[in-house]
Amino acid sequence: MANLLIEIGNTAVKAAWSDGSVLGKTFRYQGEKVMEFIASLTDKQLPLVMAVVSARAINAEEEQFLNSVSQYLILLDPAHPDVLSPYGIPDYLSYDRASSLVAARYLFKRKSCTVFDLGTTLTVDYLDSSGRYLGGNISLGCRTRFKALNRYSKSLPLVDMPSEEKFPGDSLTGSIESGVISGIIFEIDGYIRTNPENIVIFTGGDAIYFAKRMKNSIFVVCNLGLMGLAIITDDYVKKNIQ
């Protein structure tokens, strides 16, 4: 029987069915009715295990519902930190970020890695060749930077990510677009230069956008967090379900 993986992020929900550590069909939802979205996925088929990684704590009512639409439930959220303890990842990391690191270890065994998650935030994490977590950084993501410029300045308009940007910018809007996009590219380049021997992995909603603009060799794994969740779920099945 298949397992169902749910990743509740800051701005969207991603989901996928999995068989062992292999992902199947994926889904994306952006809205307030998260439990209704999950219900629609389980309407015709109940998963053996439902694994949910969430940026926020799952409340008691939500947990009761999730238990009702799955045979076994795994929660990775602030209220259930014990699930990740066997993986040697610090408990101060967000659970979606930790799940991505589990996948990076699995995909790039015996390779040191720099993992960039480009979404609401820009996170950078380092793994050595043994899979040991070395630390990481957090800064603002691309759209968050655009919103911050608009919010904290009285004269700058809100702009969105351009399909193409001109460097340097030759208008007010173009200057904002070029400043934010180029700033992130320079930032990423700086991180890569600190560990040039590392495998570089991009994930997150803006991964493909920035990978196209990089000169370095990049591995883009858009569903890295879901892959990590599949691995965690498969480990759980092997350990607890005969």
C-alpha atoms as a PDB file:
ATOM      1  CA  MET A   1       0.000   0.000   0.000  1.00  0.00           C
ATOM      2  CA  ALA A   2       1.293   3.475  -0.882  1.00  0.00           C
ATOM      3  CA  ASN A   3       2.287   6.165   1.596  1.00  0.00           C
ATOM      4  CA  LEU A   4       1.221   9.811   1.425  1.00  0.00           C
ATOM      5  CA  LEU A   5       3.690  12.622   2.084  1.00  0.00           C
ATOM      6  CA  ILE A   6       2.582  16.150   2.990  1.00  0.00           C
ATOM      7  CA  GLU A   7       4.871  19.185   3.238  1.00  0.00           C
ATOM      8  CA  ILE A   8       3.160  22.235   4.757  1.00  0.00           C
ATOM      9  CA  GLY A   9       5.366  25.231   4.076  1.00  0.00           C
ATOM     10  CA  ASN A  10       5.123  28.960   4.695  1.00  0.00           C
ATOM     11  CA  THR A  11       3.241  29.738   1.489  1.00  0.00           C
ATOM     12  CA  ALA A  12       2.142  26.447  -0.080  1.00  0.00           C
ATOM     13  CA  VAL A  13       1.479  22.766   0.550  1.00  0.00           C
ATOM     14  CA  LYS A  14       3.156  20.037  -1.492  1.00  0.00           C
ATOM     15  CA  ALA A  15       2.127  16.400  -1.438  1.00  0.00           C
ATOM     16  CA  ALA A  16       3.144  13.159  -3.089  1.00  0.00           C
ATOM     17  CA  TRP A  17       2.382   9.477  -2.982  1.00  0.00           C
ATOM     18  CA  SER A  18       5.383   7.237  -2.452  1.00  0.00           C
ATOM     19  CA  ASP A  19       6.314   3.586  -2.694  1.00  0.00           C
ATOM     20  CA  GLY A  20       9.265   2.949  -0.426  1.00  0.00           C
ATOM     21  CA  SER A  21      11.695   5.818  -0.975  1.00  0.00           C
ATOM     22  CA  VAL A  22      10.431   6.485  -4.515  1.00  0.00           C
ATOM     23  CA  LEU A  23       8.120   9.435  -5.153  1.00  0.00           C
ATOM     24  CA  GLY A  24       5.031   9.082  -7.294  1.00  0.00           C
ATOM     25  CA  LYS A  25       2.565  11.713  -8.441  1.00  0.00           C
ATOM     26  CA  THR A  26       2.985  15.103  -6.758  1.00  0.00           C
ATOM     27  CA  PHE A  27       0.431  17.804  -5.956  1.00  0.00           C
ATOM     28  CA  ARG A  28       0.593  21.471  -4.941  1.00  0.00           C
ATOM     29  CA  TYR A  29      -1.944  23.586  -3.061  1.00  0.00           C
ATOM     30  CA  GLN A  30      -1.919  27.217  -2.037  1.00  0.00           C
ATOM     31  CA  GLY A  31      -4.742  28.347   0.240  1.00  0.00           C
ATOM     32  CA  GLU A  32      -6.195  28.202   3.722  1.00  0.00           C
ATOM     33  CA  LYS A  33      -8.103  24.899   3.530  1.00  0.00           C
ATOM     34  CA  VAL A  34      -5.149  22.590   4.040  1.00  0.00           C
ATOM     35  CA  MET A  35      -7.075  19.761   5.723  1.00  0.00           C
ATOM     36  CA  GLU A  36      -9.684  19.826   2.962  1.00  0.00           C
ATOM     37  CA  PHE A  37      -6.883  19.502   0.423  1.00  0.00           C
ATOM     38  CA  ILE A  38      -5.482  16.487   2.272  1.00  0.00           C
ATOM     39  CA  ALA A  39      -8.983  14.988   2.483  1.00  0.00           C
ATOM     40  CA  SER A  40      -9.297  15.218  -1.306  1.00  0.00           C
ATOM     41  CA  LEU A  41      -6.110  13.155  -1.688  1.00  0.00           C
ATOM     42  CA  THR A  42      -7.319  10.400   0.639  1.00  0.00           C
ATOM     43  CA  ASP A  43     -10.904  10.316  -0.632  1.00  0.00           C
ATOM     44  CA  LYS A  44     -10.363   7.287  -2.868  1.00  0.00           C
ATOM     45  CA  GLN A  45      -7.356   5.684  -1.221  1.00  0.00           C
ATOM     46  CA  LEU A  46      -6.198   5.627   2.381  1.00  0.00           C
ATOM     47  CA  PRO A  47      -2.410   5.591   2.749  1.00  0.00           C
ATOM     48  CA  LEU A  48      -0.627   3.020   4.851  1.00  0.00           C
ATOM     49  CA  VAL A  49       1.462   5.801   6.386  1.00  0.00           C
ATOM     50  CA  MET A  50       0.809   9.509   6.166  1.00  0.00           C
ATOM     51  CA  ALA A  51       3.887  11.593   6.934  1.00  0.00           C
ATOM     52  CA  VAL A  52       3.389  15.302   7.488  1.00  0.00           C
ATOM     53  CA  VAL A  53       6.200  17.829   7.805  1.00  0.00           C
ATOM     54  CA  SER A  54       4.965  21.251   8.854  1.00  0.00           C
ATOM     55  CA  ALA A  55       6.468  24.670   9.458  1.00  0.00           C
ATOM     56  CA  ARG A  56       3.842  25.176  12.177  1.00  0.00           C
ATOM     57  CA  ALA A  57       2.560  22.887  14.913  1.00  0.00           C
ATOM     58  CA  ILE A  58      -0.354  20.628  13.993  1.00  0.00           C
ATOM     59  CA  ASN A  59      -3.186  21.206  16.473  1.00  0.00           C
ATOM     60  CA  ALA A  60      -5.115  18.432  18.229  1.00  0.00           C
ATOM     61  CA  GLU A  61      -8.138  18.654  15.928  1.00  0.00           C
ATOM     62  CA  GLU A  62      -5.952  18.441  12.828  1.00  0.00           C
ATOM     63  CA  GLU A  63      -4.015  15.513  14.274  1.00  0.00           C
ATOM     64  CA  GLN A  64      -7.253  13.666  14.985  1.00  0.00           C
ATOM     65  CA  PHE A  65      -8.369  14.196  11.390  1.00  0.00           C
ATOM     66  CA  LEU A  66      -5.035  13.042   9.949  1.00  0.00           C
ATOM     67  CA  ASN A  67      -5.198   9.894  12.073  1.00  0.00           C
ATOM     68  CA  SER A  68      -8.678   9.200  10.706  1.00  0.00           C
ATOM     69  CA  VAL A  69      -7.506   9.196   7.067  1.00  0.00           C
ATOM     70  CA  SER A  70      -4.407   7.035   7.478  1.00  0.00           C
ATOM     71  CA  GLN A  71      -3.474   3.740   9.089  1.00  0.00           C
ATOM     72  CA  TYR A  72      -0.281   5.187  10.592  1.00  0.00           C
ATOM     73  CA  LEU A  73       0.645   8.828  11.080  1.00  0.00           C
ATOM     74  CA  ILE A  74       4.085  10.452  11.344  1.00  0.00           C
ATOM     75  CA  LEU A  75       4.233  14.127  12.293  1.00  0.00           C
ATOM     76  CA  LEU A  76       7.351  16.256  11.912  1.00  0.00           C
ATOM     77  CA  ASP A  77       6.458  19.553  13.516  1.00  0.00           C
ATOM     78  CA  PRO A  78       7.461  21.578  16.602  1.00  0.00           C
ATOM     79  CA  ALA A  79       5.334  19.330  18.825  1.00  0.00           C
ATOM     80  CA  HIS A  80       6.949  16.079  17.599  1.00  0.00           C
ATOM     81  CA  PRO A  81      10.736  16.629  17.516  1.00  0.00           C
ATOM     82  CA  ASP A  82      11.592  13.002  18.324  1.00  0.00           C
ATOM     83  CA  VAL A  83      11.039  11.709  14.773  1.00  0.00           C
ATOM     84  CA  LEU A  84      14.241  13.301  13.488  1.00  0.00           C
ATOM     85  CA  SER A  85      16.455  12.370  16.446  1.00  0.00           C
ATOM     86  CA  PRO A  86      17.905   9.222  14.763  1.00  0.00           C
ATOM     87  CA  TYR A  87      19.166  11.317  11.829  1.00  0.00           C
ATOM     88  CA  GLY A  88      21.628  13.474  13.771  1.00  0.00           C
ATOM     89  CA  ILE A  89      20.187  16.796  12.619  1.00  0.00           C
ATOM     90  CA  PRO A  90      20.038  19.704  15.112  1.00  0.00           C
ATOM     91  CA  ASP A  91      16.573  20.320  16.509  1.00  0.00           C
ATOM     92  CA  TYR A  92      16.744  24.061  15.833  1.00  0.00           C
ATOM     93  CA  LEU A  93      16.364  23.463  12.091  1.00  0.00           C
ATOM     94  CA  SER A  94      12.882  23.725  10.612  1.00  0.00           C
ATOM     95  CA  TYR A  95      11.462  20.303   9.847  1.00  0.00           C
ATOM     96  CA  ASP A  96      11.123  20.805   6.099  1.00  0.00           C
ATOM     97  CA  ARG A  97      14.755  21.929   5.995  1.00  0.00           C
ATOM     98  CA  ALA A  98      15.819  18.885   8.010  1.00  0.00           C
ATOM     99  CA  SER A  99      13.868  16.598   5.698  1.00  0.00           C
ATOM    100  CA  SER A 100      15.725  18.053   2.695  1.00  0.00           C
ATOM    101  CA  LEU A 101      19.053  17.269   4.353  1.00  0.00           C
ATOM    102  CA  VAL A 102      18.006  13.647   4.893  1.00  0.00           C
ATOM    103  CA  ALA A 103      17.393  13.424   1.137  1.00  0.00           C
ATOM    104  CA  ALA A 104      20.678  15.151   0.236  1.00  0.00           C
ATOM    105  CA  ARG A 105      22.588  12.612   2.331  1.00  0.00           C
ATOM    106  CA  TYR A 106      20.783   9.778   0.565  1.00  0.00           C
ATOM    107  CA  LEU A 107      21.186  11.105  -2.986  1.00  0.00           C
ATOM    108  CA  PHE A 108      24.823  12.157  -2.650  1.00  0.00           C
ATOM    109  CA  LYS A 109      26.397   9.546  -0.397  1.00  0.00           C
ATOM    110  CA  ARG A 110      30.025  10.188   0.548  1.00  0.00           C
ATOM    111  CA  LYS A 111      29.888  13.642  -1.040  1.00  0.00           C
ATOM    112  CA  SER A 112      30.151  16.972   0.754  1.00  0.00           C
ATOM    113  CA  CYS A 113      27.164  19.146  -0.165  1.00  0.00           C
ATOM    114  CA  THR A 114      25.967  22.722  -0.105  1.00  0.00           C
ATOM    115  CA  VAL A 115      22.159  22.775  -0.108  1.00  0.00           C
ATOM    116  CA  PHE A 116      20.311  25.940  -1.133  1.00  0.00           C
ATOM    117  CA  ASP A 117      16.570  26.177  -0.487  1.00  0.00           C
ATOM    118  CA  LEU A 118      15.208  29.120  -2.471  1.00  0.00           C
ATOM    119  CA  GLY A 119      11.726  30.020  -1.317  1.00  0.00           C
ATOM    120  CA  THR A 120      10.186  32.431   1.181  1.00  0.00           C
ATOM    121  CA  THR A 121      13.597  32.321   2.830  1.00  0.00           C
ATOM    122  CA  LEU A 122      16.974  31.524   1.338  1.00  0.00           C
ATOM    123  CA  THR A 123      18.624  28.848   3.445  1.00  0.00           C
ATOM    124  CA  VAL A 124      22.101  27.437   2.927  1.00  0.00           C
ATOM    125  CA  ASP A 125      23.190  24.226   4.649  1.00  0.00           C
ATOM    126  CA  TYR A 126      26.440  22.258   4.608  1.00  0.00           C
ATOM    127  CA  LEU A 127      27.005  18.511   4.863  1.00  0.00           C
ATOM    128  CA  ASP A 128      30.422  16.886   4.923  1.00  0.00           C
ATOM    129  CA  SER A 129      31.270  13.710   3.013  1.00  0.00           C
ATOM    130  CA  SER A 130      30.141  11.543   5.931  1.00  0.00           C
ATOM    131  CA  GLY A 131      26.719  13.233   5.974  1.00  0.00           C
ATOM    132  CA  ARG A 132      27.453  15.194   9.156  1.00  0.00           C
ATOM    133  CA  TYR A 133      25.654  18.523   9.394  1.00  0.00           C
ATOM    134  CA  LEU A 134      28.130  21.401   9.616  1.00  0.00           C
ATOM    135  CA  GLY A 135      25.749  24.345   9.970  1.00  0.00           C
ATOM    136  CA  GLY A 136      23.920  26.793   7.768  1.00  0.00           C
ATOM    137  CA  ASN A 137      22.592  30.302   7.175  1.00  0.00           C
ATOM    138  CA  ILE A 138      19.202  31.937   6.649  1.00  0.00           C
ATOM    139  CA  SER A 139      18.409  35.115   4.752  1.00  0.00           C
ATOM    140  CA  LEU A 140      15.439  36.591   2.904  1.00  0.00           C
ATOM    141  CA  GLY A 141      14.080  34.830  -0.164  1.00  0.00           C
ATOM    142  CA  CYS A 142      13.587  36.600  -3.479  1.00  0.00           C
ATOM    143  CA  ARG A 143       9.923  37.611  -3.224  1.00  0.00           C
ATOM    144  CA  THR A 144      10.414  38.475   0.437  1.00  0.00           C
ATOM    145  CA  ARG A 145      13.126  40.933  -0.578  1.00  0.00           C
ATOM    146  CA  PHE A 146      10.837  42.571  -3.130  1.00  0.00           C
ATOM    147  CA  LYS A 147       8.109  42.899  -0.486  1.00  0.00           C
ATOM    148  CA  ALA A 148      10.540  44.303   2.089  1.00  0.00           C
ATOM    149  CA  LEU A 149      11.732  47.030  -0.309  1.00  0.00           C
ATOM    150  CA  ASN A 150       8.154  48.058  -0.972  1.00  0.00           C
ATOM    151  CA  ARG A 151       7.043  47.875   2.655  1.00  0.00           C
ATOM    152  CA  TYR A 152       9.938  49.727   4.250  1.00  0.00           C
ATOM    153  CA  SER A 153      10.382  52.404   1.585  1.00  0.00           C
ATOM    154  CA  LYS A 154       7.828  55.104   0.800  1.00  0.00           C
ATOM    155  CA  SER A 155       8.918  55.496  -2.815  1.00  0.00           C
ATOM    156  CA  LEU A 156       9.681  52.018  -4.163  1.00  0.00           C
ATOM    157  CA  PRO A 157       6.958  50.012  -5.943  1.00  0.00           C
ATOM    158  CA  LEU A 158       6.243  46.332  -5.378  1.00  0.00           C
ATOM    159  CA  VAL A 159       7.645  44.326  -8.271  1.00  0.00           C
ATOM    160  CA  ASP A 160       7.754  40.613  -8.972  1.00  0.00           C
ATOM    161  CA  MET A 161      10.387  38.290 -10.345  1.00  0.00           C
ATOM    162  CA  PRO A 162      11.071  39.250 -13.968  1.00  0.00           C
ATOM    163  CA  SER A 163      11.348  36.724 -16.778  1.00  0.00           C
ATOM    164  CA  GLU A 164      14.493  38.608 -17.778  1.00  0.00           C
ATOM    165  CA  GLU A 165      16.443  41.282 -15.943  1.00  0.00           C
ATOM    166  CA  LYS A 166      18.892  43.850 -17.294  1.00  0.00           C
ATOM    167  CA  PHE A 167      22.154  44.475 -15.455  1.00  0.00           C
ATOM    168  CA  PRO A 168      22.504  47.154 -14.333  1.00  0.00           C
ATOM    169  CA  GLY A 169      18.901  48.302 -14.188  1.00  0.00           C
ATOM    170  CA  ASP A 170      17.943  51.199 -16.461  1.00  0.00           C
ATOM    171  CA  SER A 171      14.667  52.219 -14.762  1.00  0.00           C
ATOM    172  CA  LEU A 172      13.249  52.301 -11.247  1.00  0.00           C
ATOM    173  CA  THR A 173      11.545  48.951 -11.655  1.00  0.00           C
ATOM    174  CA  GLY A 174      14.533  47.543 -13.520  1.00  0.00           C
ATOM    175  CA  SER A 175      16.884  48.687 -10.775  1.00  0.00           C
ATOM    176  CA  ILE A 176      14.835  46.853  -8.144  1.00  0.00           C
ATOM    177  CA  GLU A 177      14.630  43.702 -10.278  1.00  0.00           C
ATOM    178  CA  SER A 178      18.348  43.749 -11.063  1.00  0.00           C
ATOM    179  CA  GLY A 179      19.338  44.645  -7.515  1.00  0.00           C
ATOM    180  CA  VAL A 180      17.408  41.790  -5.906  1.00  0.00           C
ATOM    181  CA  ILE A 181      18.122  39.103  -8.513  1.00  0.00           C
ATOM    182  CA  SER A 182      21.796  40.018  -8.936  1.00  0.00           C
ATOM    183  CA  GLY A 183      22.210  40.321  -5.167  1.00  0.00           C
ATOM    184  CA  ILE A 184      20.970  36.772  -4.657  1.00  0.00           C
ATOM    185  CA  ILE A 185      23.182  35.454  -7.464  1.00  0.00           C
ATOM    186  CA  PHE A 186      26.242  37.186  -5.979  1.00  0.00           C
ATOM    187  CA  GLU A 187      25.284  35.798  -2.573  1.00  0.00           C
ATOM    188  CA  ILE A 188      25.005  32.254  -3.921  1.00  0.00           C
ATOM    189  CA  ASP A 189      28.299  32.601  -5.813  1.00  0.00           C
ATOM    190  CA  GLY A 190      29.993  33.665  -2.594  1.00  0.00           C
ATOM    191  CA  TYR A 191      28.709  30.610  -0.736  1.00  0.00           C
ATOM    192  CA  ILE A 192      29.816  28.301  -3.531  1.00  0.00           C
ATOM    193  CA  ARG A 193      33.318  29.794  -3.563  1.00  0.00           C
ATOM    194  CA  THR A 194      33.763  29.057   0.146  1.00  0.00           C
ATOM    195  CA  ASN A 195      33.489  25.314  -0.566  1.00  0.00           C
ATOM    196  CA  PRO A 196      34.170  24.901  -4.300  1.00  0.00           C
ATOM    197  CA  GLU A 197      34.607  21.137  -4.000  1.00  0.00           C
ATOM    198  CA  ASN A 198      31.060  20.615  -2.684  1.00  0.00           C
ATOM    199  CA  ILE A 199      28.133  19.232  -4.647  1.00  0.00           C
ATOM    200  CA  VAL A 200      25.694  22.153  -5.038  1.00  0.00           C
ATOM    201  CA  ILE A 201      21.982  21.372  -4.693  1.00  0.00           C
ATOM    202  CA  PHE A 202      19.125  23.791  -5.354  1.00  0.00           C
ATOM    203  CA  THR A 203      15.620  23.135  -4.085  1.00  0.00           C
ATOM    204  CA  GLY A 204      12.535  25.237  -3.314  1.00  0.00           C
ATOM    205  CA  GLY A 205      10.058  27.175  -5.424  1.00  0.00           C
ATOM    206  CA  ASP A 206      12.659  29.442  -7.040  1.00  0.00           C
ATOM    207  CA  ALA A 207      15.304  26.758  -7.625  1.00  0.00           C
ATOM    208  CA  ILE A 208      14.900  26.471 -11.397  1.00  0.00           C
ATOM    209  CA  TYR A 209      14.694  30.261 -11.831  1.00  0.00           C
ATOM    210  CA  PHE A 210      18.093  30.807 -10.243  1.00  0.00           C
ATOM    211  CA  ALA A 211      19.738  27.630 -11.544  1.00  0.00           C
ATOM    212  CA  LYS A 212      19.258  28.980 -15.092  1.00  0.00           C
ATOM    213  CA  ARG A 213      21.221  32.091 -14.102  1.00  0.00           C
ATOM    214  CA  MET A 214      24.194  30.326 -12.523  1.00  0.00           C
ATOM    215  CA  LYS A 215      27.487  29.538 -14.245  1.00  0.00           C
ATOM    216  CA  ASN A 216      28.304  26.740 -11.809  1.00  0.00           C
ATOM    217  CA  SER A 217      27.211  23.120 -12.121  1.00  0.00           C
ATOM    218  CA  ILE A 218      23.999  22.791 -10.104  1.00  0.00           C
ATOM    219  CA  PHE A 219      21.800  19.834  -9.183  1.00  0.00           C
ATOM    220  CA  VAL A 220      18.170  20.992  -9.067  1.00  0.00           C
ATOM    221  CA  VAL A 221      15.950  18.739  -6.930  1.00  0.00           C
ATOM    222  CA  CYS A 222      12.640  20.568  -6.606  1.00  0.00           C
ATOM    223  CA  ASN A 223      11.040  17.964  -4.329  1.00  0.00           C
ATOM    224  CA  LEU A 224      14.037  17.395  -2.066  1.00  0.00           C
ATOM    225  CA  GLY A 225      11.942  17.811   1.102  1.00  0.00           C
ATOM    226  CA  LEU A 226       9.360  15.271  -0.072  1.00  0.00           C
ATOM    227  CA  MET A 227      12.165  12.861  -0.984  1.00  0.00           C
ATOM    228  CA  GLY A 228      13.538  13.153   2.527  1.00  0.00           C
ATOM    229  CA  LEU A 229      10.072  12.544   3.915  1.00  0.00           C
ATOM    230  CA  ALA A 230       9.769   9.423   1.746  1.00  0.00           C
ATOM    231  CA  ILE A 231      13.063   8.124   3.157  1.00  0.00           C
ATOM    232  CA  ILE A 232      11.968   8.827   6.744  1.00  0.00           C
ATOM    233  CA  THR A 233       8.625   7.120   6.082  1.00  0.00           C
ATOM    234  CA  ASP A 234      10.276   4.087   4.497  1.00  0.00           C
ATOM    235  CA  ASP A 235      12.599   3.764   7.503  1.00  0.00           C
ATOM    236  CA  TYR A 236       9.536   3.918   9.774  1.00  0.00           C
ATOM    237  CA  VAL A 237       7.756   1.167   7.827  1.00  0.00           C
ATOM    238  CA  LYS A 238      10.788  -1.115   7.910  1.00  0.00           C
ATOM    239  CA  LYS A 239      11.219  -0.607  11.655  1.00  0.00           C
ATOM    240  CA  ASN A 240       7.617  -0.605  12.876  1.00  0.00           C
ATOM    241  CA  ILE A 241       5.318  -2.312  10.365  1.00  0.00           C
ATOM    242  CA  GLN A 242       5.707  -5.973   9.506  1.00  0.00           C
END
